[in-house]
């Protein structure tokens, strides 16, 4: 199954009050394996960047001033997204900004039914635990040492690794590539070593024959200084 893992950076928290999306990073995953295909773009938000938002992602007014408007990249983005499920961390936030930008550019909104929220998955797996991307990466041992600031594509890469862990880990399948570089997914299968096609046979009763008991007792009598005879002697001797 094809899925898109994505993340956004914005000028603030609420697209309904004028905040805009300034970056989107998308990663293609097929059968829980990253294919290497990505979509990444910065956008000119046509408004000033608040200092608090710039402190989070480092995207300044000067850096974004020559970047394209969202409307000019909308068709390329929609083509990359296709009709695949869209996976995001706190997905309602990213969907809200994505759909607002699509609405501004005269495109139809992305169906909310395609939304997969890794926070919801994390909450179901780890009730009461911290559910930030950083906290869950720490829980699953995902290296984020290179993440000094938020970045849409970098965070999508971390989220792709986290999504794999949250949905079963690497044991889901083994990823290989053929000579052309195309991803090949080999599903693992549990193999039972218990045969079910054999007829039932009642267990046999194993009883020693009289001759076998006699031979055993004769053999035991030949053992010198046996531990059990010493213990028996001590048990019947007067106490000191």
Protein backbone atom coordinates (compact mmCIF):
# COMPACT_ATOMS: atom_id res chain seq x y z
CA UNK A 1 0.00 0.00 0.00
CA UNK A 2 1.26 3.48 -0.88
CA UNK A 3 1.23 6.07 1.92
CA UNK A 4 2.54 9.62 2.18
CA UNK A 5 4.23 10.78 5.37
CA UNK A 6 4.22 14.57 5.57
CA UNK A 7 4.91 17.56 7.79
CA UNK A 8 4.44 21.32 7.48
CA UNK A 9 5.98 24.47 8.92
CA UNK A 10 3.84 27.58 9.33
CA UNK A 11 3.77 31.17 10.51
CA UNK A 12 1.63 30.25 13.51
CA UNK A 13 -1.06 27.99 14.87
CA UNK A 14 -4.33 28.95 13.18
CA UNK A 15 -4.93 29.22 9.42
CA UNK A 16 -8.35 30.77 10.10
CA UNK A 17 -6.70 33.88 11.55
CA UNK A 18 -4.29 34.41 8.67
CA UNK A 19 -1.41 32.09 9.47
CA UNK A 20 0.14 30.49 6.39
CA UNK A 21 2.07 27.37 5.47
CA UNK A 22 5.71 28.12 4.57
CA UNK A 23 7.12 24.61 4.03
CA UNK A 24 5.90 21.11 3.28
CA UNK A 25 7.88 17.89 3.19
CA UNK A 26 6.41 14.61 1.92
CA UNK A 27 7.90 11.11 1.81
CA UNK A 28 6.51 8.21 -0.20
CA UNK A 29 6.24 4.86 1.54
CA UNK A 30 5.09 1.62 -0.10
CA UNK A 31 4.46 -1.42 2.07
CA UNK A 32 5.99 0.42 5.06
CA UNK A 33 9.23 0.90 3.10
CA UNK A 34 10.49 4.38 2.12
CA UNK A 35 10.99 4.43 -1.64
CA UNK A 36 13.23 7.51 -1.75
CA UNK A 37 10.60 9.60 -3.56
CA UNK A 38 9.94 12.96 -1.86
CA UNK A 39 8.22 16.28 -2.41
CA UNK A 40 9.68 19.31 -0.64
CA UNK A 41 8.96 22.98 -1.13
CA UNK A 42 9.18 26.35 0.67
CA UNK A 43 6.49 28.99 0.11
CA UNK A 44 6.36 32.75 0.33
CA UNK A 45 3.58 33.37 2.90
CA UNK A 46 2.93 36.95 1.72
CA UNK A 47 3.08 38.12 5.31
CA UNK A 48 5.69 38.75 8.01
CA UNK A 49 7.12 35.84 9.96
CA UNK A 50 6.48 36.15 13.72
CA UNK A 51 9.64 35.90 15.82
CA UNK A 52 8.24 33.00 17.86
CA UNK A 53 7.61 30.92 14.73
CA UNK A 54 11.02 31.75 13.25
CA UNK A 55 12.65 30.58 16.49
CA UNK A 56 11.08 27.15 15.95
CA UNK A 57 11.94 26.51 12.28
CA UNK A 58 14.48 29.22 11.42
CA UNK A 59 12.66 30.39 8.28
CA UNK A 60 13.04 34.15 8.01
CA UNK A 61 11.27 36.75 5.89
CA UNK A 62 14.46 37.22 3.87
CA UNK A 63 14.83 33.47 3.18
CA UNK A 64 11.19 33.10 2.09
CA UNK A 65 11.00 36.32 0.07
CA UNK A 66 12.05 34.70 -3.22
CA UNK A 67 10.22 31.39 -2.72
CA UNK A 68 7.18 30.50 -4.88
CA UNK A 69 3.60 31.05 -3.84
CA UNK A 70 1.69 27.94 -2.81
CA UNK A 71 -0.72 28.29 -5.74
CA UNK A 72 2.10 27.82 -8.26
CA UNK A 73 3.11 24.50 -6.69
CA UNK A 74 -0.33 23.15 -5.76
CA UNK A 75 -0.80 20.93 -8.81
CA UNK A 76 2.64 19.32 -8.43
CA UNK A 77 1.93 18.66 -4.76
CA UNK A 78 -1.49 17.14 -5.45
CA UNK A 79 0.00 14.91 -8.13
CA UNK A 80 2.57 13.62 -5.65
CA UNK A 81 -0.05 13.04 -2.95
CA UNK A 82 -2.33 11.16 -5.36
CA UNK A 83 -5.14 9.39 -3.53
CA UNK A 84 -2.87 7.81 -0.88
CA UNK A 85 -3.49 7.95 2.88
CA UNK A 86 -1.68 10.93 4.42
CA UNK A 87 0.21 10.33 7.67
CA UNK A 88 1.13 13.24 9.96
CA UNK A 89 1.89 13.88 13.62
CA UNK A 90 -1.02 15.83 15.11
CA UNK A 91 -2.52 15.47 11.66
CA UNK A 92 -5.48 17.82 12.13
CA UNK A 93 -3.00 20.73 12.40
CA UNK A 94 -1.24 19.89 9.12
CA UNK A 95 -4.50 19.06 7.34
CA UNK A 96 -5.97 22.38 8.45
CA UNK A 97 -3.12 24.36 6.86
CA UNK A 98 -2.94 22.17 3.75
CA UNK A 99 -6.65 22.48 3.05
CA UNK A 100 -6.69 26.21 3.73
CA UNK A 101 -3.87 26.72 1.20
CA UNK A 102 -5.72 24.55 -1.32
CA UNK A 103 -8.88 26.57 -0.77
CA UNK A 104 -6.99 29.85 -1.24
CA UNK A 105 -5.64 28.56 -4.57
CA UNK A 106 -9.04 27.43 -5.81
CA UNK A 107 -8.48 23.68 -5.37
CA UNK A 108 -10.66 21.13 -3.59
CA UNK A 109 -9.75 20.22 -0.04
CA UNK A 110 -8.13 16.88 0.72
CA UNK A 111 -10.65 14.40 2.12
CA UNK A 112 -10.24 14.24 5.90
CA UNK A 113 -10.93 10.49 5.67
CA UNK A 114 -7.41 10.05 4.28
CA UNK A 115 -5.89 11.38 7.49
CA UNK A 116 -3.75 9.09 9.65
CA UNK A 117 -2.64 10.67 12.93
CA UNK A 118 0.44 9.15 14.59
CA UNK A 119 -0.43 10.90 17.86
CA UNK A 120 -3.67 8.88 17.97
CA UNK A 121 -1.71 5.70 17.28
CA UNK A 122 0.83 6.61 19.96
CA UNK A 123 -1.91 7.38 22.49
CA UNK A 124 -3.49 3.97 21.89
CA UNK A 125 -0.16 2.16 22.28
CA UNK A 126 1.23 4.22 25.18
CA UNK A 127 -1.62 5.68 27.27
CA UNK A 128 -0.45 8.52 29.49
CA UNK A 129 2.99 8.80 27.85
CA UNK A 130 4.45 11.92 26.25
CA UNK A 131 3.44 11.94 22.60
CA UNK A 132 5.60 14.63 21.03
CA UNK A 133 7.71 13.59 18.05
CA UNK A 134 10.86 13.99 20.15
CA UNK A 135 9.47 11.90 23.02
CA UNK A 136 8.32 9.05 20.79
CA UNK A 137 11.59 9.04 18.84
CA UNK A 138 13.41 8.67 22.17
CA UNK A 139 11.10 5.81 23.20
CA UNK A 140 11.85 3.91 19.98
CA UNK A 141 15.54 4.75 19.77
CA UNK A 142 15.26 6.85 16.61
CA UNK A 143 18.30 9.12 16.18
CA UNK A 144 17.38 12.79 15.94
CA UNK A 145 20.77 14.24 16.92
CA UNK A 146 20.92 16.11 13.58
CA UNK A 147 17.64 17.92 14.31
CA UNK A 148 18.56 21.33 15.73
CA UNK A 149 15.43 23.07 14.44
CA UNK A 150 12.11 21.92 13.03
CA UNK A 151 12.09 21.28 9.30
CA UNK A 152 9.24 19.78 7.30
CA UNK A 153 11.24 17.22 5.31
CA UNK A 154 13.52 16.30 8.22
CA UNK A 155 10.54 15.84 10.54
CA UNK A 156 8.74 13.78 7.89
CA UNK A 157 11.80 11.50 7.70
CA UNK A 158 11.78 11.04 11.48
CA UNK A 159 8.02 10.49 11.42
CA UNK A 160 8.34 7.84 8.71
CA UNK A 161 10.71 5.87 10.95
CA UNK A 162 8.39 6.37 13.92
CA UNK A 163 5.34 5.30 11.91
CA UNK A 164 7.08 2.04 11.03
CA UNK A 165 7.72 1.37 14.72
CA UNK A 166 4.23 2.36 15.83
CA UNK A 167 2.65 0.03 13.28
CA UNK A 168 4.68 -3.09 13.98
CA UNK A 169 8.33 -2.29 13.51
CA UNK A 170 10.81 -3.66 10.98
CA UNK A 171 9.53 -7.23 11.34
CA UNK A 172 6.58 -6.36 9.09
CA UNK A 173 8.70 -7.12 6.06
CA UNK A 174 12.21 -7.18 4.68
CA UNK A 175 13.02 -4.42 2.20
CA UNK A 176 15.19 -5.18 -0.80
CA UNK A 177 15.87 -3.45 -4.10
CA UNK A 178 16.27 -4.98 -7.53
CA UNK A 179 18.93 -3.97 -10.04
CA UNK A 180 16.87 -0.96 -11.15
CA UNK A 181 16.57 0.35 -7.60
CA UNK A 182 12.86 -0.43 -7.33
CA UNK A 183 11.71 -1.45 -3.89
CA UNK A 184 10.75 -5.08 -3.39
CA UNK A 185 8.75 -6.06 -0.33
CA UNK A 186 9.09 -9.58 1.03
CA UNK A 187 6.53 -10.32 3.68
CA UNK A 188 7.57 -12.50 6.59
CA UNK A 189 5.40 -15.53 7.38
CA UNK A 190 5.09 -17.46 10.60
CA UNK A 191 5.73 -21.16 10.05
CA UNK A 192 4.27 -23.68 12.46
CA UNK A 193 6.35 -26.77 13.16
CA UNK A 194 3.40 -28.61 14.68
CA UNK A 195 1.88 -31.06 12.21
CA UNK A 196 -1.87 -31.34 12.23
CA UNK A 197 -2.29 -34.07 9.60
CA UNK A 198 -1.13 -37.01 11.75
CA UNK A 199 -3.73 -39.37 13.29
CA UNK A 200 -4.08 -39.19 17.05
CA UNK A 201 -2.35 -41.96 18.99
CA UNK A 202 -2.89 -42.42 22.67
CA UNK A 203 0.35 -42.36 24.73
CA UNK A 204 1.75 -45.78 25.60
CA UNK A 205 2.21 -46.86 29.21
CA UNK A 206 5.88 -47.62 29.87
CA UNK A 207 6.27 -50.26 32.59
CA UNK A 208 9.57 -52.06 33.34
CA UNK A 209 9.56 -55.82 32.99
CA UNK A 210 10.37 -57.93 36.11
CA UNK A 211 13.70 -59.01 34.63
CA UNK A 212 14.68 -55.38 33.95
CA UNK A 213 14.04 -54.45 37.59
CA UNK A 214 16.20 -57.32 38.84
CA UNK A 215 19.08 -56.40 36.53
CA UNK A 216 18.84 -52.77 37.61
CA UNK A 217 18.95 -53.66 41.33
CA UNK A 218 21.95 -55.94 40.73
CA UNK A 219 23.78 -53.16 38.92
CA UNK A 220 23.09 -50.61 41.66
CA UNK A 221 24.44 -53.04 44.28
CA UNK A 222 27.83 -53.02 42.52
CA UNK A 223 28.33 -49.26 43.01
CA UNK A 224 30.72 -48.58 45.89
CA UNK A 225 30.33 -45.61 48.22
CA UNK A 226 27.14 -44.51 46.56
CA UNK A 227 25.85 -41.17 47.80
CA UNK A 228 22.37 -42.51 48.44
CA UNK A 229 23.65 -45.32 50.67
CA UNK A 230 25.69 -42.82 52.68
CA UNK A 231 22.65 -40.65 53.18
CA UNK A 232 20.62 -43.68 54.21
CA UNK A 233 23.34 -44.71 56.73
CA UNK A 234 23.36 -41.26 58.33
CA UNK A 235 19.58 -41.22 58.55
CA UNK A 236 19.57 -44.47 60.60
CA UNK A 237 22.64 -43.80 62.76
CA UNK A 238 22.21 -42.47 66.38
CA UNK A 239 22.52 -38.68 66.59
CA UNK A 240 25.69 -37.30 68.24
